[in-house]
Amino acid sequence: MQLTRVALSNFRNYALLDLEPVAGLNVFVGQNAQGKSNLLEAIAMLGTGKSFRTNRDADLVREGLELAVVRGDAEIRAGIVHLGCTVAKSARSTRKTYTINGQGVRYARFLGSIRVVTFVPADLHLVGGPPTLRRALLNIALAQEDRTYYHELARYQKALQQKSAMLRGIVSFDPDLLAIYDHALVESGTVVMLARNHFVSELKREAERTHALWTKQAERLDVSYAPNVPFDAPTVEAVAGAFERRLRQVAEAERVRRTTLAGPHRDDLALTLDGHPLAAYGSQGQQRTAVLALKVAEYAVMRDRSNEAPLLLLDDVLSELDRERAAAFLAGIGEYAQAFVTATHLPDGLPGGASVFEIANATVRAC
């Protein structure tokens, strides 16, 4: 996969930009607040349809204006695809619309038209941060490659919201309606848990292999799926049965606590180093090395599953790593088709043939 063109109009601090990235490594160098992160944010939106920096779509529109547009052309296995994302802001609301090859599409159709793996400074908290960060890693990767996963996750979240509203007393309690919500949770939750279990088994293999290479097997990283609802076997029958039993077990507690207590919305990734919880016992350097290994693994799994390398976006993270770890990460990426790196200065250990661009005041210039 290769992004051959990205065009921005009134996106963040960009009035206009028309850029033709090259295959391999594209490095964007510039001082802070010049537009480096904004550019990678726009590229990521061509894959995920959402910002990796904000939940407020209005923030994406250049100050004082009402419309921002992100367009991109990419060469994928199926041919050339033309993608577009428009953000329209008004005093009352903000709305995003999507196009593929000039035709308007829903978000679910747009998602994953091209696949991206992002590594941003916030990802360095994947180990010590809350489980929501680790679930987001799984959800973003799986939703890009499998529309069924996205559909079932959305269906699960809708049923979860409806059940939670009933438990909190926002709507009147109705045992028959509660049973319908629980049935929907089991159906969609089973699909979600099985997909996560399969993905993490592949993520585990790649992350542990990469980590062992970097540490010369001096430390052993272990990555495993930690479902909130344990199951005996990765089958529909076993997972659905376990989920149904767990919902019956916690039914009274949920009524008392007025919240949902069981399901994949409480899943986690378990990360240990030499058998000890990494968040509690790992040094800052050890935790960062584990995060690097996870991101290399995410890239590798997405590439191997689709038989097509995703775009790799590294937003100003190398500056937060020491020279050895930054070099190890760059070397560990392997044979990527196209990657985008932002930095305040040229990082050490860049592979030969990297293309370098300078960004200043939202202007991009090839060096």
Protein backbone atom coordinates (compact mmCIF):
# COMPACT_ATOMS: atom_id res chain seq x y z
CA MET A 1 0.00 0.00 0.00
CA GLN A 2 1.25 3.48 -0.83
CA LEU A 3 -0.25 6.91 -0.29
CA THR A 4 0.60 8.84 -3.45
CA ARG A 5 -1.11 12.14 -2.66
CA VAL A 6 -2.56 13.96 0.30
CA ALA A 7 -4.37 17.28 -0.08
CA LEU A 8 -5.62 19.47 2.77
CA SER A 9 -7.90 22.48 2.75
CA ASN A 10 -8.41 24.52 5.95
CA PHE A 11 -7.43 21.55 8.10
CA ARG A 12 -5.97 22.67 11.44
CA ASN A 13 -3.30 25.26 10.57
CA TYR A 14 -3.12 24.28 6.89
CA ALA A 15 -4.85 26.64 4.47
CA LEU A 16 -3.85 24.52 1.48
CA LEU A 17 -1.48 21.61 1.05
CA ASP A 18 -0.89 19.29 -1.88
CA LEU A 19 1.79 16.72 -1.10
CA GLU A 20 3.03 13.68 -2.99
CA PRO A 21 4.69 11.30 -0.52
CA VAL A 22 7.17 8.72 -1.75
CA ALA A 23 7.49 5.03 -1.10
CA GLY A 24 9.55 4.02 1.90
CA LEU A 25 10.32 6.42 4.72
CA ASN A 26 9.04 10.02 4.70
CA VAL A 27 10.54 12.17 7.48
CA PHE A 28 9.02 15.54 8.38
CA VAL A 29 11.28 17.81 10.41
CA GLY A 30 10.35 21.10 12.04
CA GLN A 31 9.95 23.00 15.26
CA ASN A 32 6.91 22.50 17.48
CA ALA A 33 3.52 23.92 16.44
CA GLN A 34 4.42 24.11 12.74
CA GLY A 35 2.00 21.43 11.50
CA LYS A 36 3.87 18.12 11.76
CA SER A 37 1.32 16.36 13.95
CA ASN A 38 -1.54 17.94 12.00
CA LEU A 39 -0.26 16.35 8.80
CA LEU A 40 -0.04 12.88 10.31
CA GLU A 41 -3.45 13.36 11.92
CA ALA A 42 -4.91 14.06 8.46
CA ILE A 43 -3.23 11.01 6.93
CA ALA A 44 -4.53 8.80 9.73
CA MET A 45 -8.06 10.07 9.12
CA LEU A 46 -7.91 8.66 5.60
CA GLY A 47 -7.74 5.22 7.23
CA THR A 48 -9.73 5.52 10.43
CA GLY A 49 -12.01 8.47 9.63
CA LYS A 50 -11.25 9.92 13.06
CA SER A 51 -8.61 12.05 14.74
CA PHE A 52 -6.09 10.33 17.01
CA ARG A 53 -5.73 13.58 18.98
CA THR A 54 -9.22 14.87 19.76
CA ASN A 55 -12.85 13.82 20.01
CA ARG A 56 -13.96 17.35 19.07
CA ASP A 57 -14.31 17.39 15.29
CA ALA A 58 -14.69 21.17 15.38
CA ASP A 59 -11.02 21.39 16.40
CA LEU A 60 -10.06 20.05 12.97
CA VAL A 61 -11.39 23.09 11.09
CA ARG A 62 -9.03 26.01 10.66
CA GLU A 63 -9.82 28.79 13.08
CA GLY A 64 -12.46 31.20 11.85
CA LEU A 65 -13.67 28.93 9.05
CA GLU A 66 -16.46 26.37 8.68
CA LEU A 67 -15.19 23.66 6.35
CA ALA A 68 -12.10 21.45 6.33
CA VAL A 69 -11.29 18.83 3.70
CA VAL A 70 -8.80 15.95 3.69
CA ARG A 71 -8.25 14.06 0.44
CA GLY A 72 -5.88 11.29 -0.46
CA ASP A 73 -4.99 8.94 -3.30
CA ALA A 74 -3.57 5.53 -2.54
CA GLU A 75 -2.37 2.51 -4.47
CA ILE A 76 -3.68 -0.68 -2.90
CA ARG A 77 -3.88 -4.26 -4.12
CA ALA A 78 -7.31 -3.63 -5.63
CA GLY A 79 -6.06 -0.61 -7.58
CA ILE A 80 -6.07 3.14 -7.02
CA VAL A 81 -8.52 4.54 -4.48
CA HIS A 82 -9.47 8.20 -3.99
CA LEU A 83 -10.55 9.05 -0.45
CA GLY A 84 -12.11 12.15 1.03
CA CYS A 85 -13.19 13.33 4.47
CA THR A 86 -15.00 16.65 4.98
CA VAL A 87 -15.63 18.35 8.32
CA ALA A 88 -18.41 20.95 8.30
CA LYS A 89 -18.75 23.14 11.38
CA SER A 90 -21.68 25.34 12.31
CA ALA A 91 -22.73 27.20 15.43
CA ARG A 92 -24.94 24.26 16.44
CA SER A 93 -23.07 21.14 15.35
CA THR A 94 -20.16 19.61 13.46
CA ARG A 95 -20.63 16.92 10.81
CA LYS A 96 -18.20 14.68 8.93
CA THR A 97 -18.88 13.17 5.53
CA TYR A 98 -16.85 10.60 3.60
CA THR A 99 -16.26 9.71 -0.03
CA ILE A 100 -14.60 6.82 -1.84
CA ASN A 101 -13.81 7.43 -5.52
CA GLY A 102 -16.07 10.46 -5.48
CA GLN A 103 -19.11 8.63 -4.06
CA GLY A 104 -20.53 9.46 -0.65
CA VAL A 105 -20.33 6.54 1.81
CA ARG A 106 -21.17 5.87 5.42
CA TYR A 107 -18.42 5.82 8.01
CA ALA A 108 -18.54 2.04 8.33
CA ARG A 109 -17.80 1.70 4.60
CA PHE A 110 -15.01 4.28 4.70
CA LEU A 111 -13.23 2.78 7.70
CA GLY A 112 -10.26 0.67 6.67
CA SER A 113 -10.25 1.70 3.00
CA ILE A 114 -6.57 2.07 3.68
CA ARG A 115 -5.04 0.74 6.89
CA VAL A 116 -2.85 2.73 9.23
CA VAL A 117 -0.84 2.03 12.35
CA THR A 118 -0.14 5.09 14.46
CA PHE A 119 2.41 5.58 17.21
CA VAL A 120 1.92 8.82 19.13
CA PRO A 121 3.42 10.04 22.43
CA ALA A 122 0.27 8.99 24.33
CA ASP A 123 0.96 5.37 23.31
CA LEU A 124 3.94 5.36 25.65
CA HIS A 125 1.32 5.05 28.42
CA LEU A 126 -0.09 1.81 27.03
CA VAL A 127 1.56 -0.20 29.79
CA GLY A 128 0.86 1.95 32.83
CA GLY A 129 -2.32 3.65 31.63
CA PRO A 130 -5.92 2.50 32.03
CA PRO A 131 -7.34 -0.55 30.21
CA THR A 132 -9.26 1.75 27.83
CA LEU A 133 -5.96 2.52 26.07
CA ARG A 134 -5.19 -1.14 25.47
CA ARG A 135 -8.75 -1.91 24.35
CA ALA A 136 -8.51 1.01 21.92
CA LEU A 137 -5.39 -0.54 20.36
CA LEU A 138 -7.33 -3.74 19.70
CA ASN A 139 -10.47 -1.99 18.49
CA ILE A 140 -8.71 0.33 16.05
CA ALA A 141 -6.68 -2.47 14.50
CA LEU A 142 -9.57 -4.93 14.25
CA ALA A 143 -12.15 -2.41 13.01
CA GLN A 144 -9.89 -1.41 10.11
CA GLU A 145 -9.50 -4.94 8.85
CA ASP A 146 -12.93 -6.42 9.53
CA ARG A 147 -16.20 -4.54 9.05
CA THR A 148 -18.00 -7.33 10.89
CA TYR A 149 -15.98 -6.52 13.98
CA TYR A 150 -16.84 -2.83 13.72
CA HIS A 151 -20.54 -3.63 13.24
CA GLU A 152 -20.68 -6.02 16.21
CA LEU A 153 -18.69 -3.67 18.44
CA ALA A 154 -21.08 -0.82 17.60
CA ARG A 155 -24.08 -3.11 18.24
CA TYR A 156 -22.58 -4.17 21.56
CA GLN A 157 -21.95 -0.58 22.64
CA LYS A 158 -25.52 0.44 21.74
CA ALA A 159 -27.00 -2.40 23.82
CA LEU A 160 -24.59 -1.54 26.63
CA GLN A 161 -25.76 2.09 26.64
CA GLN A 162 -29.39 1.02 26.69
CA LYS A 163 -28.86 -1.43 29.54
CA SER A 164 -26.81 1.10 31.50
CA ALA A 165 -29.57 3.71 31.13
CA MET A 166 -32.04 1.25 32.59
CA LEU A 167 -29.78 0.32 35.49
CA ARG A 168 -29.22 3.99 36.31
CA GLY A 169 -32.95 4.65 36.32
CA ILE A 170 -32.94 6.95 33.31
CA VAL A 171 -35.64 4.71 31.84
CA SER A 172 -38.08 2.52 33.77
CA PHE A 173 -36.87 -0.94 34.70
CA ASP A 174 -38.35 -3.64 32.48
CA PRO A 175 -37.12 -7.24 33.00
CA ASP A 176 -38.24 -8.34 29.55
CA LEU A 177 -36.41 -5.45 27.88
CA LEU A 178 -33.36 -6.13 30.04
CA ALA A 179 -33.33 -9.72 28.77
CA ILE A 180 -33.34 -8.40 25.18
CA TYR A 181 -30.37 -6.15 25.96
CA ASP A 182 -28.49 -9.03 27.58
CA HIS A 183 -29.16 -11.25 24.56
CA ALA A 184 -27.74 -8.58 22.24
CA LEU A 185 -24.72 -8.18 24.51
CA VAL A 186 -24.03 -11.92 24.39
CA GLU A 187 -24.44 -12.17 20.63
CA SER A 188 -22.20 -9.21 19.74
CA GLY A 189 -19.87 -9.61 22.71
CA THR A 190 -19.09 -13.17 21.67
CA VAL A 191 -17.96 -11.99 18.22
CA VAL A 192 -15.86 -9.24 19.80
CA MET A 193 -14.17 -11.53 22.31
CA LEU A 194 -13.34 -14.22 19.77
CA ALA A 195 -11.84 -11.65 17.39
CA ARG A 196 -9.77 -10.11 20.18
CA ASN A 197 -8.59 -13.51 21.37
CA HIS A 198 -7.40 -14.45 17.87
CA PHE A 199 -5.75 -11.07 17.26
CA VAL A 200 -3.93 -11.07 20.61
CA SER A 201 -2.57 -14.57 19.99
CA GLU A 202 -0.86 -13.20 16.87
CA LEU A 203 0.12 -9.96 18.60
CA LYS A 204 1.68 -12.00 21.41
CA ARG A 205 3.86 -14.00 19.05
CA GLU A 206 5.19 -10.95 17.20
CA ALA A 207 5.66 -8.74 20.27
CA GLU A 208 7.51 -11.40 22.24
CA ARG A 209 9.73 -12.24 19.28
CA THR A 210 10.63 -8.59 18.68
CA HIS A 211 11.23 -7.93 22.37
CA ALA A 212 13.52 -10.95 22.65
CA LEU A 213 15.60 -9.70 19.71
CA TRP A 214 16.00 -6.25 21.25
CA THR A 215 16.86 -7.45 24.74
CA LYS A 216 18.92 -10.43 23.51
CA GLN A 217 16.52 -12.65 25.49
CA ALA A 218 17.72 -11.16 28.79
CA GLU A 219 14.07 -10.41 29.67
CA ARG A 220 10.90 -12.24 28.72
CA LEU A 221 7.85 -10.22 27.73
CA ASP A 222 4.50 -11.97 27.86
CA VAL A 223 1.38 -10.56 26.17
CA SER A 224 -1.98 -12.20 26.73
CA TYR A 225 -5.67 -11.49 26.35
CA ALA A 226 -7.39 -10.85 29.69
CA PRO A 227 -11.11 -11.13 28.99
CA ASN A 228 -13.49 -9.88 31.66
CA VAL A 229 -15.52 -13.03 31.02
CA PRO A 230 -13.11 -16.01 31.06
CA PHE A 231 -13.95 -18.87 28.71
CA ASP A 232 -12.63 -22.42 28.38
CA ALA A 233 -12.28 -22.58 24.59
CA PRO A 234 -12.28 -20.02 21.74
CA THR A 235 -15.57 -21.21 20.26
CA VAL A 236 -18.90 -19.46 19.86
CA GLU A 237 -20.62 -21.98 22.14
CA ALA A 238 -18.03 -21.73 24.93
CA VAL A 239 -17.77 -17.94 24.89
CA ALA A 240 -21.52 -17.31 24.64
CA GLY A 241 -22.22 -19.83 27.38
CA ALA A 242 -19.65 -18.28 29.70
CA PHE A 243 -21.04 -14.80 29.04
CA GLU A 244 -24.63 -15.87 29.72
CA ARG A 245 -23.62 -17.51 33.01
CA ARG A 246 -21.64 -14.46 34.08
CA LEU A 247 -24.55 -12.13 33.38
CA ARG A 248 -26.81 -14.28 35.57
CA GLN A 249 -24.20 -14.25 38.35
CA VAL A 250 -23.85 -10.46 38.42
CA ALA A 251 -27.49 -9.55 37.73
CA GLU A 252 -28.31 -8.62 41.31
CA ALA A 253 -25.03 -6.79 41.84
CA GLU A 254 -25.66 -4.75 38.69
CA ARG A 255 -29.07 -3.69 40.02
CA VAL A 256 -27.54 -2.63 43.34
CA ARG A 257 -24.52 -0.85 41.86
CA ARG A 258 -26.53 0.55 38.92
CA THR A 259 -23.86 -0.31 36.38
CA THR A 260 -22.90 -3.12 33.98
CA LEU A 261 -20.28 -5.38 35.50
CA ALA A 262 -19.56 -8.05 32.89
CA GLY A 263 -18.54 -8.01 29.25
CA PRO A 264 -15.77 -7.13 26.80
CA HIS A 265 -16.09 -3.42 27.63
CA ARG A 266 -14.02 -4.43 30.68
CA ASP A 267 -11.41 -6.50 28.82
CA ASP A 268 -7.68 -5.87 29.09
CA LEU A 269 -4.29 -6.92 27.76
CA ALA A 270 -2.06 -8.52 30.37
CA LEU A 271 1.59 -7.51 30.06
CA THR A 272 4.24 -9.17 32.20
CA LEU A 273 8.03 -9.14 32.24
CA ASP A 274 9.70 -12.29 33.58
CA GLY A 275 6.40 -13.25 35.14
CA HIS A 276 5.78 -9.94 36.96
CA PRO A 277 3.19 -7.28 36.03
CA LEU A 278 5.03 -4.82 33.81
CA ALA A 279 3.09 -1.77 34.99
CA ALA A 280 3.97 -2.40 38.64
CA TYR A 281 7.51 -3.76 38.41
CA GLY A 282 8.94 -2.57 35.08
CA SER A 283 11.21 0.46 34.86
CA GLN A 284 10.27 3.33 32.57
CA GLY A 285 12.77 2.05 30.00
CA GLN A 286 11.39 -1.49 30.19
CA GLN A 287 7.84 -0.25 29.77
CA ARG A 288 8.76 1.84 26.74
CA THR A 289 10.60 -1.07 25.16
CA ALA A 290 7.46 -3.19 25.60
CA VAL A 291 5.33 -0.50 23.95
CA LEU A 292 7.72 -0.37 21.01
CA ALA A 293 7.47 -4.13 20.66
CA LEU A 294 3.66 -3.94 20.76
CA LYS A 295 3.59 -1.36 17.97
CA VAL A 296 5.99 -3.35 15.78
CA ALA A 297 3.76 -6.37 16.43
CA GLU A 298 0.58 -4.46 15.54
CA TYR A 299 2.14 -3.44 12.24
CA ALA A 300 3.32 -6.99 11.49
CA VAL A 301 -0.01 -8.63 12.32
CA MET A 302 -2.02 -6.18 10.22
CA ARG A 303 0.41 -6.66 7.33
CA ASP A 304 0.34 -10.45 7.52
CA ARG A 305 -3.45 -10.70 7.89
CA SER A 306 -4.21 -8.56 4.84
CA ASN A 307 -1.11 -9.48 2.83
CA GLU A 308 -0.65 -5.73 2.44
CA ALA A 309 1.52 -3.45 4.56
CA PRO A 310 -0.40 -0.66 6.33
CA LEU A 311 0.84 2.91 6.47
CA LEU A 312 3.02 3.53 9.51
CA LEU A 313 2.69 6.91 11.23
CA LEU A 314 5.19 7.89 13.95
CA ASP A 315 4.27 11.23 15.47
CA ASP A 316 7.20 12.76 17.37
CA VAL A 317 7.81 9.72 19.55
CA LEU A 318 11.45 9.05 18.73
CA SER A 319 12.50 12.18 20.61
CA GLU A 320 11.06 10.68 23.80
CA LEU A 321 13.20 7.56 23.47
CA ASP A 322 16.89 7.17 24.12
CA ARG A 323 19.10 6.67 21.08
CA GLU A 324 19.35 2.89 21.48
CA ARG A 325 15.60 2.30 21.73
CA ALA A 326 14.81 4.70 18.90
CA ALA A 327 17.31 2.94 16.64
CA ALA A 328 15.92 -0.45 17.69
CA PHE A 329 12.42 0.65 16.81
CA LEU A 330 13.41 1.92 13.37
CA ALA A 331 15.30 -1.29 12.69
CA GLY A 332 12.45 -3.41 14.02
CA ILE A 333 9.89 -2.07 11.59
CA GLY A 334 11.39 -4.25 8.92
CA GLU A 335 10.31 -4.07 5.33
CA TYR A 336 7.60 -1.42 5.47
CA ALA A 337 6.11 -0.15 2.24
CA GLN A 338 5.60 3.42 3.44
CA ALA A 339 6.13 5.20 6.74
CA PHE A 340 5.77 8.78 7.97
CA VAL A 341 7.89 10.12 10.84
CA THR A 342 7.79 13.55 12.44
CA ALA A 343 10.64 14.96 14.52
CA THR A 344 12.13 18.26 15.63
CA HIS A 345 15.48 17.11 14.23
CA LEU A 346 16.69 14.26 12.06
CA PRO A 347 16.67 11.10 14.17
CA ASP A 348 19.72 8.90 14.37
CA GLY A 349 19.66 5.55 12.65
CA LEU A 350 17.48 6.50 9.71
CA PRO A 351 17.59 3.85 6.98
CA GLY A 352 19.25 4.85 3.74
CA GLY A 353 17.00 6.31 1.09
CA ALA A 354 14.71 8.15 3.52
CA SER A 355 13.04 11.25 2.04
CA VAL A 356 13.22 14.32 4.26
CA PHE A 357 10.79 17.25 4.29
CA GLU A 358 10.87 20.44 6.31
CA ILE A 359 7.67 21.84 7.80
CA ALA A 360 7.45 25.49 8.82
CA ASN A 361 4.26 27.53 9.23
CA ALA A 362 2.18 24.76 7.62
CA THR A 363 4.38 24.77 4.53
CA VAL A 364 6.05 21.51 3.49
CA ARG A 365 9.30 21.64 1.51
CA ALA A 366 11.40 18.72 0.28
CA CYS A 367 14.99 18.89 1.52
